[in-house]
């Protein structure tokens, strides 16, 4: 420290010496402030150097280290905040990716449920349609059987009605009783021609 102070004083002294000699030559004619032959001016320059050196040491040992510490602390806080922000961004990105994955999984699951429900509804509709078709087939078969039975019954009833009606007509028109064998053969021929016998 003393060595630094001594070096600074020697440097200032050399600078003052280089300023004093040319200044003294011009002082009489130009500027009274540069007249270093005046002891008042020389004392002012010496005190200026002493104050500047003292100010330098005060700043170098007390003020500037505090400012440097504040700047270093500020840089450290900024770095910590940046690291926290990067970590938060990475966490948010991970949460967003997880959210997108959950939404996709939910969408896929909902689509699967919709497909399953649609397939179940189609299967139920097909089952009901098949049951209804069986029921209608049964009803149709019963109706056809009833129609066939009614037709057979009507066919059995048509021969006596036709025979009776024909005998009545022949008797009224001719006034004589008809021949039963001939009448039966004519009715059989007429029914066969119409597909009723």
C-alpha atoms as a PDB file:
ATOM      1  CA  UNK A   1       0.000   0.000   0.000  1.00  0.00           C
ATOM      2  CA  UNK A   2       2.781   2.392   0.891  1.00  0.00           C
ATOM      3  CA  UNK A   3       4.608   1.427  -2.230  1.00  0.00           C
ATOM      4  CA  UNK A   4       1.522   2.269  -4.299  1.00  0.00           C
ATOM      5  CA  UNK A   5       1.136   5.562  -2.492  1.00  0.00           C
ATOM      6  CA  UNK A   6       4.802   6.399  -3.051  1.00  0.00           C
ATOM      7  CA  UNK A   7       4.525   5.512  -6.722  1.00  0.00           C
ATOM      8  CA  UNK A   8       1.455   7.707  -7.063  1.00  0.00           C
ATOM      9  CA  UNK A   9       3.221  10.635  -5.362  1.00  0.00           C
ATOM     10  CA  UNK A  10       6.296  10.273  -7.529  1.00  0.00           C
ATOM     11  CA  UNK A  11       4.098  10.161 -10.611  1.00  0.00           C
ATOM     12  CA  UNK A  12       2.246  13.266  -9.488  1.00  0.00           C
ATOM     13  CA  UNK A  13       5.526  14.989  -8.629  1.00  0.00           C
ATOM     14  CA  UNK A  14       6.944  14.252 -12.077  1.00  0.00           C
ATOM     15  CA  UNK A  15       3.769  15.539 -13.671  1.00  0.00           C
ATOM     16  CA  UNK A  16       3.891  18.680 -11.575  1.00  0.00           C
ATOM     17  CA  UNK A  17       7.535  19.213 -12.416  1.00  0.00           C
ATOM     18  CA  UNK A  18       6.802  18.994 -16.104  1.00  0.00           C
ATOM     19  CA  UNK A  19       3.971  21.451 -15.676  1.00  0.00           C
ATOM     20  CA  UNK A  20       5.843  23.902 -13.421  1.00  0.00           C
ATOM     21  CA  UNK A  21       8.842  24.597 -15.555  1.00  0.00           C
ATOM     22  CA  UNK A  22       7.093  25.539 -18.784  1.00  0.00           C
ATOM     23  CA  UNK A  23       4.349  27.237 -16.798  1.00  0.00           C
ATOM     24  CA  UNK A  24       6.793  29.398 -14.922  1.00  0.00           C
ATOM     25  CA  UNK A  25       8.245  30.663 -18.177  1.00  0.00           C
ATOM     26  CA  UNK A  26       4.867  31.722 -19.456  1.00  0.00           C
ATOM     27  CA  UNK A  27       3.319  32.760 -16.182  1.00  0.00           C
ATOM     28  CA  UNK A  28       4.575  36.288 -16.202  1.00  0.00           C
ATOM     29  CA  UNK A  29       3.115  37.068 -19.526  1.00  0.00           C
ATOM     30  CA  UNK A  30      -0.045  34.961 -19.825  1.00  0.00           C
ATOM     31  CA  UNK A  31      -1.772  33.332 -16.876  1.00  0.00           C
ATOM     32  CA  UNK A  32      -1.209  34.066 -13.202  1.00  0.00           C
ATOM     33  CA  UNK A  33      -2.618  30.618 -12.245  1.00  0.00           C
ATOM     34  CA  UNK A  34       0.341  28.940 -13.922  1.00  0.00           C
ATOM     35  CA  UNK A  35       2.919  30.942 -12.045  1.00  0.00           C
ATOM     36  CA  UNK A  36       4.437  28.194  -9.874  1.00  0.00           C
ATOM     37  CA  UNK A  37       7.084  30.495  -8.497  1.00  0.00           C
ATOM     38  CA  UNK A  38       4.304  31.845  -6.316  1.00  0.00           C
ATOM     39  CA  UNK A  39       4.217  29.657  -3.166  1.00  0.00           C
ATOM     40  CA  UNK A  40       0.428  29.969  -2.946  1.00  0.00           C
ATOM     41  CA  UNK A  41      -0.076  28.356  -6.338  1.00  0.00           C
ATOM     42  CA  UNK A  42       2.403  25.590  -5.531  1.00  0.00           C
ATOM     43  CA  UNK A  43       0.628  24.816  -2.243  1.00  0.00           C
ATOM     44  CA  UNK A  44      -2.699  24.610  -4.028  1.00  0.00           C
ATOM     45  CA  UNK A  45      -1.316  22.092  -6.541  1.00  0.00           C
ATOM     46  CA  UNK A  46       0.254  19.980  -3.769  1.00  0.00           C
ATOM     47  CA  UNK A  47      -3.022  19.926  -1.820  1.00  0.00           C
ATOM     48  CA  UNK A  48      -4.888  19.058  -5.014  1.00  0.00           C
ATOM     49  CA  UNK A  49      -2.625  16.043  -5.506  1.00  0.00           C
ATOM     50  CA  UNK A  50      -2.983  14.994  -1.857  1.00  0.00           C
ATOM     51  CA  UNK A  51      -6.799  15.276  -2.014  1.00  0.00           C
ATOM     52  CA  UNK A  52      -6.958  13.341  -5.291  1.00  0.00           C
ATOM     53  CA  UNK A  53      -4.762  10.539  -3.902  1.00  0.00           C
ATOM     54  CA  UNK A  54      -6.815  10.417  -0.674  1.00  0.00           C
ATOM     55  CA  UNK A  55     -10.030  10.370  -2.698  1.00  0.00           C
ATOM     56  CA  UNK A  56      -8.648   7.569  -4.840  1.00  0.00           C
ATOM     57  CA  UNK A  57      -7.784   5.466  -1.783  1.00  0.00           C
ATOM     58  CA  UNK A  58     -11.143   6.131  -0.173  1.00  0.00           C
ATOM     59  CA  UNK A  59     -12.960   5.146  -3.346  1.00  0.00           C
ATOM     60  CA  UNK A  60     -10.720   2.141  -4.016  1.00  0.00           C
ATOM     61  CA  UNK A  61     -10.933   0.759  -0.468  1.00  0.00           C
ATOM     62  CA  UNK A  62     -14.418   1.710   0.667  1.00  0.00           C
ATOM     63  CA  UNK A  63     -16.913   2.938  -1.962  1.00  0.00           C
ATOM     64  CA  UNK A  64     -15.990   0.937  -5.069  1.00  0.00           C
ATOM     65  CA  UNK A  65     -15.900  -2.482  -3.324  1.00  0.00           C
ATOM     66  CA  UNK A  66     -19.406  -1.774  -2.007  1.00  0.00           C
ATOM     67  CA  UNK A  67     -20.603  -0.825  -5.480  1.00  0.00           C
ATOM     68  CA  UNK A  68     -18.911  -3.948  -6.887  1.00  0.00           C
ATOM     69  CA  UNK A  69     -20.603  -6.091  -4.230  1.00  0.00           C
ATOM     70  CA  UNK A  70     -23.995  -4.550  -5.062  1.00  0.00           C
ATOM     71  CA  UNK A  71     -23.406  -5.160  -8.776  1.00  0.00           C
ATOM     72  CA  UNK A  72     -22.292  -8.750  -8.143  1.00  0.00           C
ATOM     73  CA  UNK A  73     -25.312  -9.355  -5.877  1.00  0.00           C
ATOM     74  CA  UNK A  74     -27.597  -7.867  -8.510  1.00  0.00           C
ATOM     75  CA  UNK A  75     -26.063 -10.060 -11.235  1.00  0.00           C
ATOM     76  CA  UNK A  76     -26.476 -13.095  -8.952  1.00  0.00           C
ATOM     77  CA  UNK A  77     -30.146 -12.252  -8.267  1.00  0.00           C
ATOM     78  CA  UNK A  78     -30.804 -11.736 -11.961  1.00  0.00           C
ATOM     79  CA  UNK A  79     -29.209 -15.089 -12.752  1.00  0.00           C
ATOM     80  CA  UNK A  80     -31.232 -16.821 -10.026  1.00  0.00           C
ATOM     81  CA  UNK A  81     -34.422 -15.193 -11.340  1.00  0.00           C
ATOM     82  CA  UNK A  82     -33.555 -16.231 -14.915  1.00  0.00           C
ATOM     83  CA  UNK A  83     -32.877 -19.792 -13.784  1.00  0.00           C
ATOM     84  CA  UNK A  84     -36.199 -19.833 -11.896  1.00  0.00           C
ATOM     85  CA  UNK A  85     -37.978 -18.446 -14.962  1.00  0.00           C
ATOM     86  CA  UNK A  86     -36.380 -21.102 -17.196  1.00  0.00           C
ATOM     87  CA  UNK A  87     -37.387 -23.822 -14.717  1.00  0.00           C
ATOM     88  CA  UNK A  88     -40.934 -22.447 -14.529  1.00  0.00           C
ATOM     89  CA  UNK A  89     -41.133 -22.313 -18.329  1.00  0.00           C
ATOM     90  CA  UNK A  90     -39.908 -25.900 -18.595  1.00  0.00           C
ATOM     91  CA  UNK A  91     -42.463 -26.943 -15.972  1.00  0.00           C
ATOM     92  CA  UNK A  92     -45.227 -25.056 -17.802  1.00  0.00           C
ATOM     93  CA  UNK A  93     -44.198 -26.657 -21.100  1.00  0.00           C
ATOM     94  CA  UNK A  94     -44.304 -30.080 -19.446  1.00  0.00           C
ATOM     95  CA  UNK A  95     -47.732 -29.286 -17.973  1.00  0.00           C
ATOM     96  CA  UNK A  96     -48.988 -28.143 -21.388  1.00  0.00           C
ATOM     97  CA  UNK A  97     -47.655 -31.317 -23.010  1.00  0.00           C
ATOM     98  CA  UNK A  98     -49.317 -33.387 -20.270  1.00  0.00           C
ATOM     99  CA  UNK A  99     -52.562 -31.450 -20.783  1.00  0.00           C
ATOM    100  CA  UNK A 100     -52.449 -32.065 -24.533  1.00  0.00           C
ATOM    101  CA  UNK A 101     -51.784 -35.765 -23.907  1.00  0.00           C
ATOM    102  CA  UNK A 102     -54.687 -35.932 -21.427  1.00  0.00           C
ATOM    103  CA  UNK A 103     -57.006 -34.156 -23.878  1.00  0.00           C
ATOM    104  CA  UNK A 104     -55.981 -36.556 -26.661  1.00  0.00           C
ATOM    105  CA  UNK A 105     -56.481 -39.560 -24.383  1.00  0.00           C
ATOM    106  CA  UNK A 106     -59.892 -38.250 -23.289  1.00  0.00           C
ATOM    107  CA  UNK A 107     -60.858 -37.575 -26.910  1.00  0.00           C
ATOM    108  CA  UNK A 108     -59.745 -41.077 -27.932  1.00  0.00           C
ATOM    109  CA  UNK A 109     -61.603 -42.604 -24.987  1.00  0.00           C
ATOM    110  CA  UNK A 110     -64.748 -40.617 -25.818  1.00  0.00           C
ATOM    111  CA  UNK A 111     -64.486 -41.679 -29.458  1.00  0.00           C
ATOM    112  CA  UNK A 112     -64.110 -45.297 -28.353  1.00  0.00           C
ATOM    113  CA  UNK A 113     -67.163 -44.932 -26.080  1.00  0.00           C
ATOM    114  CA  UNK A 114     -69.165 -43.363 -28.907  1.00  0.00           C
ATOM    115  CA  UNK A 115     -68.109 -46.163 -31.271  1.00  0.00           C
ATOM    116  CA  UNK A 116     -68.952 -48.763 -28.633  1.00  0.00           C
ATOM    117  CA  UNK A 117     -72.363 -47.170 -27.975  1.00  0.00           C
ATOM    118  CA  UNK A 118     -73.048 -46.899 -31.720  1.00  0.00           C
ATOM    119  CA  UNK A 119     -72.105 -50.548 -32.254  1.00  0.00           C
ATOM    120  CA  UNK A 120     -74.249 -51.585 -29.290  1.00  0.00           C
ATOM    121  CA  UNK A 121     -77.195 -49.550 -30.626  1.00  0.00           C
ATOM    122  CA  UNK A 122     -76.741 -51.074 -34.086  1.00  0.00           C
ATOM    123  CA  UNK A 123     -76.573 -54.573 -32.590  1.00  0.00           C
ATOM    124  CA  UNK A 124     -79.688 -53.896 -30.479  1.00  0.00           C
ATOM    125  CA  UNK A 125     -81.509 -52.466 -33.511  1.00  0.00           C
ATOM    126  CA  UNK A 126     -80.493 -55.514 -35.583  1.00  0.00           C
ATOM    127  CA  UNK A 127     -81.653 -57.838 -32.777  1.00  0.00           C
ATOM    128  CA  UNK A 128     -84.971 -55.999 -32.497  1.00  0.00           C
ATOM    129  CA  UNK A 129     -85.385 -55.983 -36.281  1.00  0.00           C
ATOM    130  CA  UNK A 130     -84.665 -59.718 -36.379  1.00  0.00           C
ATOM    131  CA  UNK A 131     -87.121 -60.365 -33.547  1.00  0.00           C
ATOM    132  CA  UNK A 132     -89.725 -58.222 -35.297  1.00  0.00           C
ATOM    133  CA  UNK A 133     -89.079 -60.008 -38.591  1.00  0.00           C
ATOM    134  CA  UNK A 134     -89.503 -63.397 -36.845  1.00  0.00           C
ATOM    135  CA  UNK A 135     -92.687 -62.167 -35.206  1.00  0.00           C
ATOM    136  CA  UNK A 136     -93.997 -60.839 -38.530  1.00  0.00           C
ATOM    137  CA  UNK A 137     -93.025 -64.115 -40.244  1.00  0.00           C
ATOM    138  CA  UNK A 138     -94.894 -66.051 -37.561  1.00  0.00           C
ATOM    139  CA  UNK A 139     -97.919 -63.770 -37.931  1.00  0.00           C
ATOM    140  CA  UNK A 140     -97.719 -64.065 -41.713  1.00  0.00           C
ATOM    141  CA  UNK A 141     -97.470 -67.859 -41.465  1.00  0.00           C
ATOM    142  CA  UNK A 142    -100.465 -67.957 -39.103  1.00  0.00           C
ATOM    143  CA  UNK A 143    -102.399 -65.614 -41.377  1.00  0.00           C
ATOM    144  CA  UNK A 144    -101.544 -67.728 -44.425  1.00  0.00           C
ATOM    145  CA  UNK A 145    -102.574 -70.865 -42.519  1.00  0.00           C
ATOM    146  CA  UNK A 146    -105.816 -69.192 -41.472  1.00  0.00           C
ATOM    147  CA  UNK A 147    -106.412 -68.047 -45.053  1.00  0.00           C
ATOM    148  CA  UNK A 148    -105.671 -71.551 -46.344  1.00  0.00           C
ATOM    149  CA  UNK A 149    -107.997 -73.029 -43.734  1.00  0.00           C
ATOM    150  CA  UNK A 150    -110.700 -70.482 -44.551  1.00  0.00           C
ATOM    151  CA  UNK A 151    -110.242 -71.137 -48.267  1.00  0.00           C
ATOM    152  CA  UNK A 152    -110.429 -74.890 -47.759  1.00  0.00           C
ATOM    153  CA  UNK A 153    -113.532 -74.423 -45.630  1.00  0.00           C
ATOM    154  CA  UNK A 154    -114.979 -72.096 -48.251  1.00  0.00           C
ATOM    155  CA  UNK A 155    -114.176 -74.614 -50.967  1.00  0.00           C
ATOM    156  CA  UNK A 156    -115.887 -77.377 -49.082  1.00  0.00           C
ATOM    157  CA  UNK A 157    -118.882 -75.092 -48.560  1.00  0.00           C
ATOM    158  CA  UNK A 158    -118.977 -73.808 -52.178  1.00  0.00           C
ATOM    159  CA  UNK A 159    -119.795 -77.167 -53.801  1.00  0.00           C
ATOM    160  CA  UNK A 160    -123.031 -77.745 -51.870  1.00  0.00           C
ATOM    161  CA  UNK A 161    -124.003 -74.053 -52.266  1.00  0.00           C
ATOM    162  CA  UNK A 162    -123.275 -74.179 -56.026  1.00  0.00           C
ATOM    163  CA  UNK A 163    -125.136 -77.470 -56.381  1.00  0.00           C
ATOM    164  CA  UNK A 164    -128.125 -76.167 -54.466  1.00  0.00           C
ATOM    165  CA  UNK A 165    -128.158 -72.842 -56.353  1.00  0.00           C
ATOM    166  CA  UNK A 166    -127.848 -74.565 -59.754  1.00  0.00           C
ATOM    167  CA  UNK A 167    -130.611 -77.059 -58.891  1.00  0.00           C
ATOM    168  CA  UNK A 168    -132.896 -74.208 -57.800  1.00  0.00           C
ATOM    169  CA  UNK A 169    -132.214 -72.238 -61.006  1.00  0.00           C
ATOM    170  CA  UNK A 170    -132.804 -75.262 -63.271  1.00  0.00           C
ATOM    171  CA  UNK A 171    -136.009 -76.081 -61.417  1.00  0.00           C
ATOM    172  CA  UNK A 172    -137.355 -72.549 -61.750  1.00  0.00           C
ATOM    173  CA  UNK A 173    -136.330 -72.165 -65.341  1.00  0.00           C
ATOM    174  CA  UNK A 174    -137.467 -75.539 -66.576  1.00  0.00           C
ATOM    175  CA  UNK A 175    -139.982 -76.417 -63.958  1.00  0.00           C
ATOM    176  CA  UNK A 176    -138.511 -79.971 -63.743  1.00  0.00           C
ATOM    177  CA  UNK A 177    -136.075 -81.381 -61.161  1.00  0.00           C
ATOM    178  CA  UNK A 178    -132.500 -81.476 -62.513  1.00  0.00           C
ATOM    179  CA  UNK A 179    -130.420 -84.604 -63.040  1.00  0.00           C
ATOM    180  CA  UNK A 180    -128.143 -84.835 -59.997  1.00  0.00           C
ATOM    181  CA  UNK A 181    -125.254 -86.625 -61.777  1.00  0.00           C
ATOM    182  CA  UNK A 182    -125.266 -84.250 -64.697  1.00  0.00           C
ATOM    183  CA  UNK A 183    -125.552 -81.241 -62.402  1.00  0.00           C
ATOM    184  CA  UNK A 184    -122.640 -82.514 -60.219  1.00  0.00           C
ATOM    185  CA  UNK A 185    -120.446 -83.047 -63.317  1.00  0.00           C
ATOM    186  CA  UNK A 186    -121.143 -79.508 -64.608  1.00  0.00           C
ATOM    187  CA  UNK A 187    -120.356 -77.942 -61.245  1.00  0.00           C
ATOM    188  CA  UNK A 188    -117.139 -79.993 -61.032  1.00  0.00           C
ATOM    189  CA  UNK A 189    -116.142 -78.859 -64.522  1.00  0.00           C
ATOM    190  CA  UNK A 190    -116.887 -75.172 -63.719  1.00  0.00           C
ATOM    191  CA  UNK A 191    -114.945 -75.295 -60.432  1.00  0.00           C
ATOM    192  CA  UNK A 192    -111.960 -77.025 -62.108  1.00  0.00           C
ATOM    193  CA  UNK A 193    -111.914 -74.383 -64.860  1.00  0.00           C
ATOM    194  CA  UNK A 194    -111.598 -71.630 -62.268  1.00  0.00           C
ATOM    195  CA  UNK A 195    -109.047 -73.554 -60.173  1.00  0.00           C
ATOM    196  CA  UNK A 196    -111.417 -73.873 -57.255  1.00  0.00           C
ATOM    197  CA  UNK A 197    -111.812 -77.676 -57.219  1.00  0.00           C
END
